[in-house]
């Protein structure tokens, strides 16, 4: 009963709030379902109600959670909530109930998963929810129905009133209606004619656009083919030019070889010879007459000795 705020943990060391300590104590005690329902139905202490709702959200079934927590949407009392940084914030009971029914976390605690309400309604576990404001809506619907009924009565009275008009007035009314009908018909005919004319203009515009697009495409294809032909011609001329240059180099190299051979031949032909125009014959070493072949044997022996000594031979 002494609870004055709710929250999870706060501060740097994540200290739990008294609300969270009481939730932990209830999880240890495990009170019966009737006691938890009495906590929820308690109107005097709002924090006790939130404590019971939080415990039922942690331990109750899906049907019990929707059955006992949805009526608390009508409680708009203020609550103090302690934030993780230690500061306090203002919140309402219906906001806490909405967080318990729709969120996965509340007060730093991961809540168990529950089924959606429409799933439980489809399997006939829950009846469709009836809002407290339905009575107000029913009253507004009754007022609207009464106003419609009054409008119908007034229309009937006006019709009965106009029945008392004179025949000339009714004739003029019929003429006015007929003129309006003809005017609307002419307007519709003009509108249809303008619409058809506009469609024709649109069709011509589309046809001209397609024709221009085809012309542009053909022009692009022709330009592309012309460029390809130019590239091929330029490539052919390039290869021809290379072949010509290669032939010129070959002819130049051949002419150089021929001129070099001709110069060699002329040089060999113009070289000095001993006699005649024939090819140069190798020179023969002239044998010196040292007197060793003299017919006189004595003189021949003396010449041998003189040759050894390097003296002139005797005659």
C-alpha atoms as a PDB file:
ATOM      1  CA  UNK A   1       0.000   0.000   0.000  1.00  0.00           C
ATOM      2  CA  UNK A   2       2.981   2.343   0.451  1.00  0.00           C
ATOM      3  CA  UNK A   3       3.914   2.235  -3.277  1.00  0.00           C
ATOM      4  CA  UNK A   4       4.173   5.742  -4.728  1.00  0.00           C
ATOM      5  CA  UNK A   5       5.746   5.010  -8.154  1.00  0.00           C
ATOM      6  CA  UNK A   6       6.432   2.203 -10.602  1.00  0.00           C
ATOM      7  CA  UNK A   7       9.436   1.285 -12.738  1.00  0.00           C
ATOM      8  CA  UNK A   8      12.096  -1.297 -13.430  1.00  0.00           C
ATOM      9  CA  UNK A   9      15.744  -0.590 -12.633  1.00  0.00           C
ATOM     10  CA  UNK A  10      17.607   2.703 -12.412  1.00  0.00           C
ATOM     11  CA  UNK A  11      21.077   4.133 -11.848  1.00  0.00           C
ATOM     12  CA  UNK A  12      24.510   2.976 -12.927  1.00  0.00           C
ATOM     13  CA  UNK A  13      24.355  -0.265 -10.915  1.00  0.00           C
ATOM     14  CA  UNK A  14      20.760  -0.925 -12.131  1.00  0.00           C
ATOM     15  CA  UNK A  15      19.133  -0.880  -8.735  1.00  0.00           C
ATOM     16  CA  UNK A  16      15.527  -2.258  -8.732  1.00  0.00           C
ATOM     17  CA  UNK A  17      12.597  -0.107  -7.690  1.00  0.00           C
ATOM     18  CA  UNK A  18      10.230  -1.150  -4.860  1.00  0.00           C
ATOM     19  CA  UNK A  19       7.620  -1.965  -7.512  1.00  0.00           C
ATOM     20  CA  UNK A  20       9.967  -4.514  -9.101  1.00  0.00           C
ATOM     21  CA  UNK A  21      10.865  -5.945  -5.689  1.00  0.00           C
ATOM     22  CA  UNK A  22       7.157  -6.557  -4.972  1.00  0.00           C
ATOM     23  CA  UNK A  23       6.723  -8.221  -8.364  1.00  0.00           C
ATOM     24  CA  UNK A  24       9.617 -10.535  -7.490  1.00  0.00           C
ATOM     25  CA  UNK A  25       8.068 -11.303  -4.093  1.00  0.00           C
ATOM     26  CA  UNK A  26       4.730 -12.161  -5.734  1.00  0.00           C
ATOM     27  CA  UNK A  27       6.502 -14.497  -8.157  1.00  0.00           C
ATOM     28  CA  UNK A  28       8.000 -16.236  -5.108  1.00  0.00           C
ATOM     29  CA  UNK A  29       4.720 -16.445  -3.195  1.00  0.00           C
ATOM     30  CA  UNK A  30       2.614 -17.371  -6.267  1.00  0.00           C
ATOM     31  CA  UNK A  31      -0.767 -16.078  -5.030  1.00  0.00           C
ATOM     32  CA  UNK A  32      -3.997 -17.560  -6.333  1.00  0.00           C
ATOM     33  CA  UNK A  33      -5.830 -16.117  -9.312  1.00  0.00           C
ATOM     34  CA  UNK A  34      -8.647 -14.731  -7.139  1.00  0.00           C
ATOM     35  CA  UNK A  35      -6.178 -12.678  -5.092  1.00  0.00           C
ATOM     36  CA  UNK A  36      -4.601 -11.237  -8.274  1.00  0.00           C
ATOM     37  CA  UNK A  37      -8.068 -10.370  -9.613  1.00  0.00           C
ATOM     38  CA  UNK A  38      -8.855  -8.571  -6.333  1.00  0.00           C
ATOM     39  CA  UNK A  39      -5.637  -6.574  -6.797  1.00  0.00           C
ATOM     40  CA  UNK A  40      -6.795  -5.579 -10.278  1.00  0.00           C
ATOM     41  CA  UNK A  41     -10.314  -4.636  -9.093  1.00  0.00           C
ATOM     42  CA  UNK A  42      -8.960  -2.435  -6.300  1.00  0.00           C
ATOM     43  CA  UNK A  43     -10.070   1.150  -7.015  1.00  0.00           C
ATOM     44  CA  UNK A  44      -8.551   2.781  -3.929  1.00  0.00           C
ATOM     45  CA  UNK A  45      -4.879   2.067  -4.597  1.00  0.00           C
ATOM     46  CA  UNK A  46      -3.895   2.517  -8.234  1.00  0.00           C
ATOM     47  CA  UNK A  47      -0.358   1.162  -7.802  1.00  0.00           C
ATOM     48  CA  UNK A  48      -1.765  -2.059  -6.314  1.00  0.00           C
ATOM     49  CA  UNK A  49      -3.961  -2.368  -9.408  1.00  0.00           C
ATOM     50  CA  UNK A  50      -0.919  -1.944 -11.681  1.00  0.00           C
ATOM     51  CA  UNK A  51       0.981  -4.491  -9.585  1.00  0.00           C
ATOM     52  CA  UNK A  52      -1.763  -7.078 -10.047  1.00  0.00           C
ATOM     53  CA  UNK A  53      -2.041  -6.318 -13.786  1.00  0.00           C
ATOM     54  CA  UNK A  54       1.718  -6.689 -14.263  1.00  0.00           C
ATOM     55  CA  UNK A  55       1.775 -10.009 -12.368  1.00  0.00           C
ATOM     56  CA  UNK A  56      -1.197 -11.341 -14.362  1.00  0.00           C
ATOM     57  CA  UNK A  57       0.527 -10.322 -17.600  1.00  0.00           C
ATOM     58  CA  UNK A  58       3.573 -12.384 -16.564  1.00  0.00           C
ATOM     59  CA  UNK A  59       1.744 -15.494 -15.342  1.00  0.00           C
ATOM     60  CA  UNK A  60      -1.807 -15.487 -16.754  1.00  0.00           C
ATOM     61  CA  UNK A  61      -3.220 -17.026 -19.912  1.00  0.00           C
ATOM     62  CA  UNK A  62      -4.047 -15.077 -23.071  1.00  0.00           C
ATOM     63  CA  UNK A  63      -7.794 -15.101 -22.396  1.00  0.00           C
ATOM     64  CA  UNK A  64      -7.394 -13.971 -18.774  1.00  0.00           C
ATOM     65  CA  UNK A  65      -5.014 -11.166 -19.800  1.00  0.00           C
ATOM     66  CA  UNK A  66      -7.509  -9.698 -22.283  1.00  0.00           C
ATOM     67  CA  UNK A  67     -10.505 -10.338 -20.023  1.00  0.00           C
ATOM     68  CA  UNK A  68      -9.158  -8.606 -16.904  1.00  0.00           C
ATOM     69  CA  UNK A  69      -6.839  -5.951 -18.350  1.00  0.00           C
ATOM     70  CA  UNK A  70      -8.995  -4.458 -21.120  1.00  0.00           C
ATOM     71  CA  UNK A  71     -11.550  -2.958 -18.661  1.00  0.00           C
ATOM     72  CA  UNK A  72      -8.672  -0.922 -17.191  1.00  0.00           C
ATOM     73  CA  UNK A  73      -8.587   1.173 -20.374  1.00  0.00           C
ATOM     74  CA  UNK A  74     -11.270   3.289 -18.674  1.00  0.00           C
ATOM     75  CA  UNK A  75      -8.934   4.267 -15.811  1.00  0.00           C
ATOM     76  CA  UNK A  76      -7.261   7.606 -16.608  1.00  0.00           C
ATOM     77  CA  UNK A  77      -5.568   8.259 -13.253  1.00  0.00           C
ATOM     78  CA  UNK A  78      -2.027   9.597 -13.185  1.00  0.00           C
ATOM     79  CA  UNK A  79       1.011   7.520 -12.189  1.00  0.00           C
ATOM     80  CA  UNK A  80       4.647   8.324 -11.395  1.00  0.00           C
ATOM     81  CA  UNK A  81       7.179   6.242 -13.329  1.00  0.00           C
ATOM     82  CA  UNK A  82      10.878   6.105 -12.473  1.00  0.00           C
ATOM     83  CA  UNK A  83      13.110   6.219 -15.536  1.00  0.00           C
ATOM     84  CA  UNK A  84      16.454   4.372 -15.890  1.00  0.00           C
ATOM     85  CA  UNK A  85      18.356   7.616 -15.241  1.00  0.00           C
ATOM     86  CA  UNK A  86      16.637   8.069 -11.861  1.00  0.00           C
ATOM     87  CA  UNK A  87      14.221  10.810 -12.954  1.00  0.00           C
ATOM     88  CA  UNK A  88      10.436  10.623 -12.710  1.00  0.00           C
ATOM     89  CA  UNK A  89       7.901  10.887 -15.504  1.00  0.00           C
ATOM     90  CA  UNK A  90       4.126  11.249 -15.554  1.00  0.00           C
ATOM     91  CA  UNK A  91       2.064   8.430 -17.064  1.00  0.00           C
ATOM     92  CA  UNK A  92      -1.547   7.186 -16.900  1.00  0.00           C
ATOM     93  CA  UNK A  93      -3.095   3.829 -16.044  1.00  0.00           C
ATOM     94  CA  UNK A  94      -4.536   3.249 -19.516  1.00  0.00           C
ATOM     95  CA  UNK A  95      -1.094   3.888 -21.052  1.00  0.00           C
ATOM     96  CA  UNK A  96       0.463   1.216 -18.817  1.00  0.00           C
ATOM     97  CA  UNK A  97      -2.300  -1.268 -19.794  1.00  0.00           C
ATOM     98  CA  UNK A  98      -1.777  -0.498 -23.479  1.00  0.00           C
ATOM     99  CA  UNK A  99       1.950  -1.133 -23.075  1.00  0.00           C
ATOM    100  CA  UNK A 100       1.277  -4.463 -21.340  1.00  0.00           C
ATOM    101  CA  UNK A 101      -1.089  -5.623 -24.106  1.00  0.00           C
ATOM    102  CA  UNK A 102       0.867  -4.441 -27.147  1.00  0.00           C
ATOM    103  CA  UNK A 103       4.572  -4.220 -26.269  1.00  0.00           C
ATOM    104  CA  UNK A 104       7.222  -6.880 -25.718  1.00  0.00           C
ATOM    105  CA  UNK A 105       9.011  -5.033 -22.896  1.00  0.00           C
ATOM    106  CA  UNK A 106       7.711  -3.188 -19.851  1.00  0.00           C
ATOM    107  CA  UNK A 107       9.696  -1.911 -16.848  1.00  0.00           C
ATOM    108  CA  UNK A 108      12.888  -3.450 -18.314  1.00  0.00           C
ATOM    109  CA  UNK A 109      11.272  -6.925 -18.287  1.00  0.00           C
ATOM    110  CA  UNK A 110      10.670  -9.091 -21.371  1.00  0.00           C
ATOM    111  CA  UNK A 111       6.973 -10.006 -21.384  1.00  0.00           C
ATOM    112  CA  UNK A 112       5.706 -13.423 -22.521  1.00  0.00           C
ATOM    113  CA  UNK A 113       4.196 -13.538 -25.980  1.00  0.00           C
ATOM    114  CA  UNK A 114       0.416 -13.593 -26.232  1.00  0.00           C
ATOM    115  CA  UNK A 115      -1.899 -14.162 -29.175  1.00  0.00           C
ATOM    116  CA  UNK A 116      -3.592 -11.336 -30.981  1.00  0.00           C
ATOM    117  CA  UNK A 117      -7.158 -10.549 -29.980  1.00  0.00           C
ATOM    118  CA  UNK A 118      -8.595 -11.192 -33.435  1.00  0.00           C
ATOM    119  CA  UNK A 119      -7.020 -14.672 -33.336  1.00  0.00           C
ATOM    120  CA  UNK A 120      -8.788 -15.468 -30.086  1.00  0.00           C
ATOM    121  CA  UNK A 121     -12.032 -14.083 -31.502  1.00  0.00           C
ATOM    122  CA  UNK A 122     -11.705 -16.265 -34.605  1.00  0.00           C
ATOM    123  CA  UNK A 123     -11.457 -19.412 -32.461  1.00  0.00           C
ATOM    124  CA  UNK A 124     -14.355 -18.214 -30.272  1.00  0.00           C
ATOM    125  CA  UNK A 125     -12.213 -17.929 -27.144  1.00  0.00           C
ATOM    126  CA  UNK A 126     -13.153 -14.276 -26.684  1.00  0.00           C
ATOM    127  CA  UNK A 127     -16.234 -12.284 -27.516  1.00  0.00           C
ATOM    128  CA  UNK A 128     -15.883  -9.118 -29.581  1.00  0.00           C
ATOM    129  CA  UNK A 129     -14.853  -6.229 -27.418  1.00  0.00           C
ATOM    130  CA  UNK A 130     -17.596  -3.804 -26.461  1.00  0.00           C
ATOM    131  CA  UNK A 131     -16.508  -0.248 -25.823  1.00  0.00           C
ATOM    132  CA  UNK A 132     -17.962   1.822 -23.000  1.00  0.00           C
ATOM    133  CA  UNK A 133     -18.620   4.586 -25.511  1.00  0.00           C
ATOM    134  CA  UNK A 134     -21.056   2.467 -27.496  1.00  0.00           C
ATOM    135  CA  UNK A 135     -23.975   3.917 -25.540  1.00  0.00           C
ATOM    136  CA  UNK A 136     -22.965   7.399 -26.662  1.00  0.00           C
ATOM    137  CA  UNK A 137     -22.671   6.175 -30.236  1.00  0.00           C
ATOM    138  CA  UNK A 138     -26.127   4.611 -30.041  1.00  0.00           C
ATOM    139  CA  UNK A 139     -27.579   7.877 -28.807  1.00  0.00           C
ATOM    140  CA  UNK A 140     -25.990   9.767 -31.710  1.00  0.00           C
ATOM    141  CA  UNK A 141     -27.322   7.204 -34.188  1.00  0.00           C
ATOM    142  CA  UNK A 142     -30.822   7.582 -32.747  1.00  0.00           C
ATOM    143  CA  UNK A 143     -30.569  11.348 -33.120  1.00  0.00           C
ATOM    144  CA  UNK A 144     -29.511  11.017 -36.752  1.00  0.00           C
ATOM    145  CA  UNK A 145     -32.359   8.623 -37.484  1.00  0.00           C
ATOM    146  CA  UNK A 146     -34.850  11.018 -35.906  1.00  0.00           C
ATOM    147  CA  UNK A 147     -33.496  13.890 -37.976  1.00  0.00           C
ATOM    148  CA  UNK A 148     -33.830  11.823 -41.151  1.00  0.00           C
ATOM    149  CA  UNK A 149     -37.390  10.944 -40.261  1.00  0.00           C
ATOM    150  CA  UNK A 150     -38.168  14.630 -39.669  1.00  0.00           C
ATOM    151  CA  UNK A 151     -36.645  15.470 -43.063  1.00  0.00           C
ATOM    152  CA  UNK A 152     -38.847  12.889 -44.773  1.00  0.00           C
ATOM    153  CA  UNK A 153     -41.930  14.287 -43.047  1.00  0.00           C
ATOM    154  CA  UNK A 154     -41.018  17.796 -44.176  1.00  0.00           C
ATOM    155  CA  UNK A 155     -40.520  16.576 -47.736  1.00  0.00           C
ATOM    156  CA  UNK A 156     -43.947  14.937 -47.676  1.00  0.00           C
ATOM    157  CA  UNK A 157     -45.499  18.138 -46.349  1.00  0.00           C
ATOM    158  CA  UNK A 158     -43.778  20.193 -49.066  1.00  0.00           C
ATOM    159  CA  UNK A 159     -45.003  17.776 -51.732  1.00  0.00           C
ATOM    160  CA  UNK A 160     -48.549  18.027 -50.419  1.00  0.00           C
ATOM    161  CA  UNK A 161     -48.162  21.777 -50.340  1.00  0.00           C
ATOM    162  CA  UNK A 162     -46.978  21.963 -53.949  1.00  0.00           C
ATOM    163  CA  UNK A 163     -49.904  19.808 -55.065  1.00  0.00           C
ATOM    164  CA  UNK A 164     -52.059  22.784 -54.405  1.00  0.00           C
ATOM    165  CA  UNK A 165     -50.338  24.851 -57.097  1.00  0.00           C
ATOM    166  CA  UNK A 166     -52.167  26.123 -60.151  1.00  0.00           C
ATOM    167  CA  UNK A 167     -51.983  24.334 -63.544  1.00  0.00           C
ATOM    168  CA  UNK A 168     -50.119  27.259 -65.136  1.00  0.00           C
ATOM    169  CA  UNK A 169     -47.434  27.041 -62.477  1.00  0.00           C
ATOM    170  CA  UNK A 170     -47.061  23.290 -63.030  1.00  0.00           C
ATOM    171  CA  UNK A 171     -46.881  23.863 -66.812  1.00  0.00           C
ATOM    172  CA  UNK A 172     -44.116  26.435 -66.395  1.00  0.00           C
ATOM    173  CA  UNK A 173     -42.287  24.055 -64.037  1.00  0.00           C
ATOM    174  CA  UNK A 174     -42.465  21.264 -66.646  1.00  0.00           C
ATOM    175  CA  UNK A 175     -41.162  23.605 -69.348  1.00  0.00           C
ATOM    176  CA  UNK A 176     -38.251  24.652 -67.174  1.00  0.00           C
ATOM    177  CA  UNK A 177     -37.400  21.031 -66.466  1.00  0.00           C
ATOM    178  CA  UNK A 178     -37.608  20.187 -70.174  1.00  0.00           C
ATOM    179  CA  UNK A 179     -35.357  23.098 -71.119  1.00  0.00           C
ATOM    180  CA  UNK A 180     -32.828  22.027 -68.471  1.00  0.00           C
ATOM    181  CA  UNK A 181     -32.947  18.478 -69.786  1.00  0.00           C
ATOM    182  CA  UNK A 182     -32.296  19.610 -73.379  1.00  0.00           C
ATOM    183  CA  UNK A 183     -29.504  21.883 -72.191  1.00  0.00           C
ATOM    184  CA  UNK A 184     -27.880  19.018 -70.275  1.00  0.00           C
ATOM    185  CA  UNK A 185     -28.243  16.779 -73.316  1.00  0.00           C
ATOM    186  CA  UNK A 186     -26.592  19.343 -75.592  1.00  0.00           C
ATOM    187  CA  UNK A 187     -23.858  19.817 -73.047  1.00  0.00           C
ATOM    188  CA  UNK A 188     -23.279  16.074 -72.903  1.00  0.00           C
ATOM    189  CA  UNK A 189     -23.187  15.866 -76.705  1.00  0.00           C
ATOM    190  CA  UNK A 190     -20.696  18.725 -76.922  1.00  0.00           C
ATOM    191  CA  UNK A 191     -18.635  17.157 -74.211  1.00  0.00           C
ATOM    192  CA  UNK A 192     -18.613  13.812 -76.031  1.00  0.00           C
ATOM    193  CA  UNK A 193     -17.667  15.547 -79.296  1.00  0.00           C
ATOM    194  CA  UNK A 194     -14.829  17.410 -77.608  1.00  0.00           C
ATOM    195  CA  UNK A 195     -13.745  14.225 -75.878  1.00  0.00           C
ATOM    196  CA  UNK A 196     -13.697  12.321 -79.188  1.00  0.00           C
ATOM    197  CA  UNK A 197     -11.845  15.176 -80.843  1.00  0.00           C
ATOM    198  CA  UNK A 198      -9.323  15.164 -78.019  1.00  0.00           C
ATOM    199  CA  UNK A 199      -8.913  11.405 -78.350  1.00  0.00           C
ATOM    200  CA  UNK A 200      -8.366  11.846 -82.085  1.00  0.00           C
ATOM    201  CA  UNK A 201      -5.728  14.483 -81.435  1.00  0.00           C
ATOM    202  CA  UNK A 202      -4.070  12.226 -78.919  1.00  0.00           C
ATOM    203  CA  UNK A 203      -4.118   9.338 -81.374  1.00  0.00           C
ATOM    204  CA  UNK A 204      -2.581  11.522 -84.120  1.00  0.00           C
ATOM    205  CA  UNK A 205       0.025  12.765 -81.673  1.00  0.00           C
ATOM    206  CA  UNK A 206       0.944   9.214 -80.724  1.00  0.00           C
ATOM    207  CA  UNK A 207       1.108   8.183 -84.383  1.00  0.00           C
ATOM    208  CA  UNK A 208       3.355  11.148 -85.247  1.00  0.00           C
ATOM    209  CA  UNK A 209       5.558  10.387 -82.285  1.00  0.00           C
ATOM    210  CA  UNK A 210       5.932   6.743 -83.368  1.00  0.00           C
ATOM    211  CA  UNK A 211       6.689   7.836 -86.931  1.00  0.00           C
ATOM    212  CA  UNK A 212       9.332  10.296 -85.754  1.00  0.00           C
ATOM    213  CA  UNK A 213      10.794   7.626 -83.517  1.00  0.00           C
ATOM    214  CA  UNK A 214      11.041   5.185 -86.498  1.00  0.00           C
ATOM    215  CA  UNK A 215      12.666   7.859 -88.637  1.00  0.00           C
ATOM    216  CA  UNK A 216      15.154   8.641 -85.932  1.00  0.00           C
ATOM    217  CA  UNK A 217      15.932   4.953 -85.510  1.00  0.00           C
ATOM    218  CA  UNK A 218      16.464   4.479 -89.275  1.00  0.00           C
ATOM    219  CA  UNK A 219      18.678   7.561 -89.376  1.00  0.00           C
ATOM    220  CA  UNK A 220      20.728   6.218 -86.492  1.00  0.00           C
ATOM    221  CA  UNK A 221      21.084   2.831 -88.224  1.00  0.00           C
ATOM    222  CA  UNK A 222      22.242   4.482 -91.457  1.00  0.00           C
ATOM    223  CA  UNK A 223      24.740   6.641 -89.583  1.00  0.00           C
ATOM    224  CA  UNK A 224      26.007   3.573 -87.732  1.00  0.00           C
ATOM    225  CA  UNK A 225      26.444   1.609 -90.967  1.00  0.00           C
ATOM    226  CA  UNK A 226      28.197   4.537 -92.626  1.00  0.00           C
ATOM    227  CA  UNK A 227      30.583   4.860 -89.690  1.00  0.00           C
ATOM    228  CA  UNK A 228      31.292   1.122 -89.757  1.00  0.00           C
ATOM    229  CA  UNK A 229      32.072   1.284 -93.482  1.00  0.00           C
ATOM    230  CA  UNK A 230      34.388   4.234 -92.905  1.00  0.00           C
ATOM    231  CA  UNK A 231      36.137   2.355 -90.146  1.00  0.00           C
ATOM    232  CA  UNK A 232      36.553  -0.700 -92.378  1.00  0.00           C
ATOM    233  CA  UNK A 233      37.880   1.438 -95.241  1.00  0.00           C
ATOM    234  CA  UNK A 234      40.252   3.210 -92.893  1.00  0.00           C
ATOM    235  CA  UNK A 235      41.409  -0.151 -91.545  1.00  0.00           C
ATOM    236  CA  UNK A 236      41.898  -1.439 -95.132  1.00  0.00           C
ATOM    237  CA  UNK A 237      43.845   1.637 -96.167  1.00  0.00           C
ATOM    238  CA  UNK A 238      45.930   1.314 -93.022  1.00  0.00           C
ATOM    239  CA  UNK A 239      46.820  -2.287 -93.859  1.00  0.00           C
ATOM    240  CA  UNK A 240      47.522  -1.339 -97.473  1.00  0.00           C
ATOM    241  CA  UNK A 241      49.752   1.502 -96.327  1.00  0.00           C
ATOM    242  CA  UNK A 242      51.591  -0.855 -94.004  1.00  0.00           C
ATOM    243  CA  UNK A 243      52.040  -3.362 -96.869  1.00  0.00           C
ATOM    244  CA  UNK A 244      53.375  -0.590 -99.104  1.00  0.00           C
ATOM    245  CA  UNK A 245      55.770   0.579 -96.431  1.00  0.00           C
ATOM    246  CA  UNK A 246      56.889  -2.987 -95.850  1.00  0.00           C
ATOM    247  CA  UNK A 247      57.467  -3.478 -99.635  1.00  0.00           C
ATOM    248  CA  UNK A 248      59.396  -0.234 -99.809  1.00  0.00           C
ATOM    249  CA  UNK A 249      61.606  -1.317 -96.945  1.00  0.00           C
ATOM    250  CA  UNK A 250      62.218  -4.652 -98.620  1.00  0.00           C
ATOM    251  CA  UNK A 251      63.056  -3.016-101.952  1.00  0.00           C
ATOM    252  CA  UNK A 252      65.384  -0.564-100.207  1.00  0.00           C
ATOM    253  CA  UNK A 253      67.141  -3.360 -98.353  1.00  0.00           C
ATOM    254  CA  UNK A 254      67.508  -5.323-101.623  1.00  0.00           C
ATOM    255  CA  UNK A 255      68.871  -2.302-103.483  1.00  0.00           C
ATOM    256  CA  UNK A 256      71.304  -1.675-100.637  1.00  0.00           C
ATOM    257  CA  UNK A 257      72.488  -5.289-100.773  1.00  0.00           C
ATOM    258  CA  UNK A 258      72.896  -5.090-104.551  1.00  0.00           C
ATOM    259  CA  UNK A 259      74.835  -1.821-104.370  1.00  0.00           C
ATOM    260  CA  UNK A 260      77.006  -3.277-101.618  1.00  0.00           C
ATOM    261  CA  UNK A 261      77.735  -6.377-103.764  1.00  0.00           C
ATOM    262  CA  UNK A 262      78.447  -4.172-106.778  1.00  0.00           C
ATOM    263  CA  UNK A 263      80.910  -2.049-104.794  1.00  0.00           C
ATOM    264  CA  UNK A 264      82.660  -5.168-103.559  1.00  0.00           C
ATOM    265  CA  UNK A 265      82.919  -6.480-107.121  1.00  0.00           C
ATOM    266  CA  UNK A 266      84.246  -3.165-108.430  1.00  0.00           C
ATOM    267  CA  UNK A 267      86.770  -2.955-105.612  1.00  0.00           C
ATOM    268  CA  UNK A 268      87.956  -6.471-106.252  1.00  0.00           C
ATOM    269  CA  UNK A 269      88.199  -5.789-109.994  1.00  0.00           C
ATOM    270  CA  UNK A 270      90.125  -2.511-109.482  1.00  0.00           C
ATOM    271  CA  UNK A 271      92.741  -4.044-107.090  1.00  0.00           C
ATOM    272  CA  UNK A 272      96.406  -4.066-108.548  1.00  0.00           C
ATOM    273  CA  UNK A 273      97.606  -7.275-110.252  1.00  0.00           C
ATOM    274  CA  UNK A 274     101.081  -8.488-111.351  1.00  0.00           C
ATOM    275  CA  UNK A 275     100.257  -9.206-114.966  1.00  0.00           C
ATOM    276  CA  UNK A 276      97.187  -9.575-117.196  1.00  0.00           C
ATOM    277  CA  UNK A 277      93.565  -9.023-116.447  1.00  0.00           C
ATOM    278  CA  UNK A 278      93.049 -12.424-114.967  1.00  0.00           C
ATOM    279  CA  UNK A 279      92.675 -13.142-111.351  1.00  0.00           C
ATOM    280  CA  UNK A 280      95.563 -12.450-109.100  1.00  0.00           C
ATOM    281  CA  UNK A 281      97.859 -15.407-108.679  1.00  0.00           C
ATOM    282  CA  UNK A 282      99.557 -16.073-105.385  1.00  0.00           C
ATOM    283  CA  UNK A 283     103.123 -14.810-105.214  1.00  0.00           C
ATOM    284  CA  UNK A 284     105.850 -17.407-105.255  1.00  0.00           C
ATOM    285  CA  UNK A 285     108.809 -16.982-103.024  1.00  0.00           C
ATOM    286  CA  UNK A 286     111.987 -16.442-105.010  1.00  0.00           C
ATOM    287  CA  UNK A 287     114.684 -18.779-103.968  1.00  0.00           C
ATOM    288  CA  UNK A 288     117.946 -16.988-103.328  1.00  0.00           C
ATOM    289  CA  UNK A 289     121.093 -18.333-105.045  1.00  0.00           C
ATOM    290  CA  UNK A 290     123.551 -19.030-102.193  1.00  0.00           C
ATOM    291  CA  UNK A 291     126.054 -20.991-104.378  1.00  0.00           C
ATOM    292  CA  UNK A 292     125.385 -24.340-102.798  1.00  0.00           C
ATOM    293  CA  UNK A 293     124.424 -25.778-106.141  1.00  0.00           C
ATOM    294  CA  UNK A 294     127.659 -24.839-107.770  1.00  0.00           C
ATOM    295  CA  UNK A 295     129.047 -27.512-110.106  1.00  0.00           C
ATOM    296  CA  UNK A 296     132.351 -27.490-108.308  1.00  0.00           C
ATOM    297  CA  UNK A 297     131.919 -29.491-105.112  1.00  0.00           C
ATOM    298  CA  UNK A 298     134.588 -27.561-103.279  1.00  0.00           C
ATOM    299  CA  UNK A 299     133.034 -24.238-104.071  1.00  0.00           C
ATOM    300  CA  UNK A 300     129.614 -25.591-103.090  1.00  0.00           C
ATOM    301  CA  UNK A 301     130.892 -26.654 -99.667  1.00  0.00           C
ATOM    302  CA  UNK A 302     132.616 -23.340 -99.180  1.00  0.00           C
ATOM    303  CA  UNK A 303     129.356 -21.523-100.059  1.00  0.00           C
ATOM    304  CA  UNK A 304     127.488 -23.589 -97.475  1.00  0.00           C
ATOM    305  CA  UNK A 305     129.956 -22.473 -94.831  1.00  0.00           C
ATOM    306  CA  UNK A 306     129.688 -18.871 -95.989  1.00  0.00           C
ATOM    307  CA  UNK A 307     125.896 -19.071 -95.964  1.00  0.00           C
ATOM    308  CA  UNK A 308     126.034 -20.222 -92.388  1.00  0.00           C
ATOM    309  CA  UNK A 309     128.323 -17.358 -91.565  1.00  0.00           C
ATOM    310  CA  UNK A 310     126.211 -14.903 -93.513  1.00  0.00           C
ATOM    311  CA  UNK A 311     128.769 -14.143 -96.150  1.00  0.00           C
ATOM    312  CA  UNK A 312     128.324 -13.808 -99.881  1.00  0.00           C
ATOM    313  CA  UNK A 313     128.716 -16.977-101.907  1.00  0.00           C
ATOM    314  CA  UNK A 314     131.658 -17.525-104.155  1.00  0.00           C
ATOM    315  CA  UNK A 315     131.234 -17.582-107.899  1.00  0.00           C
END
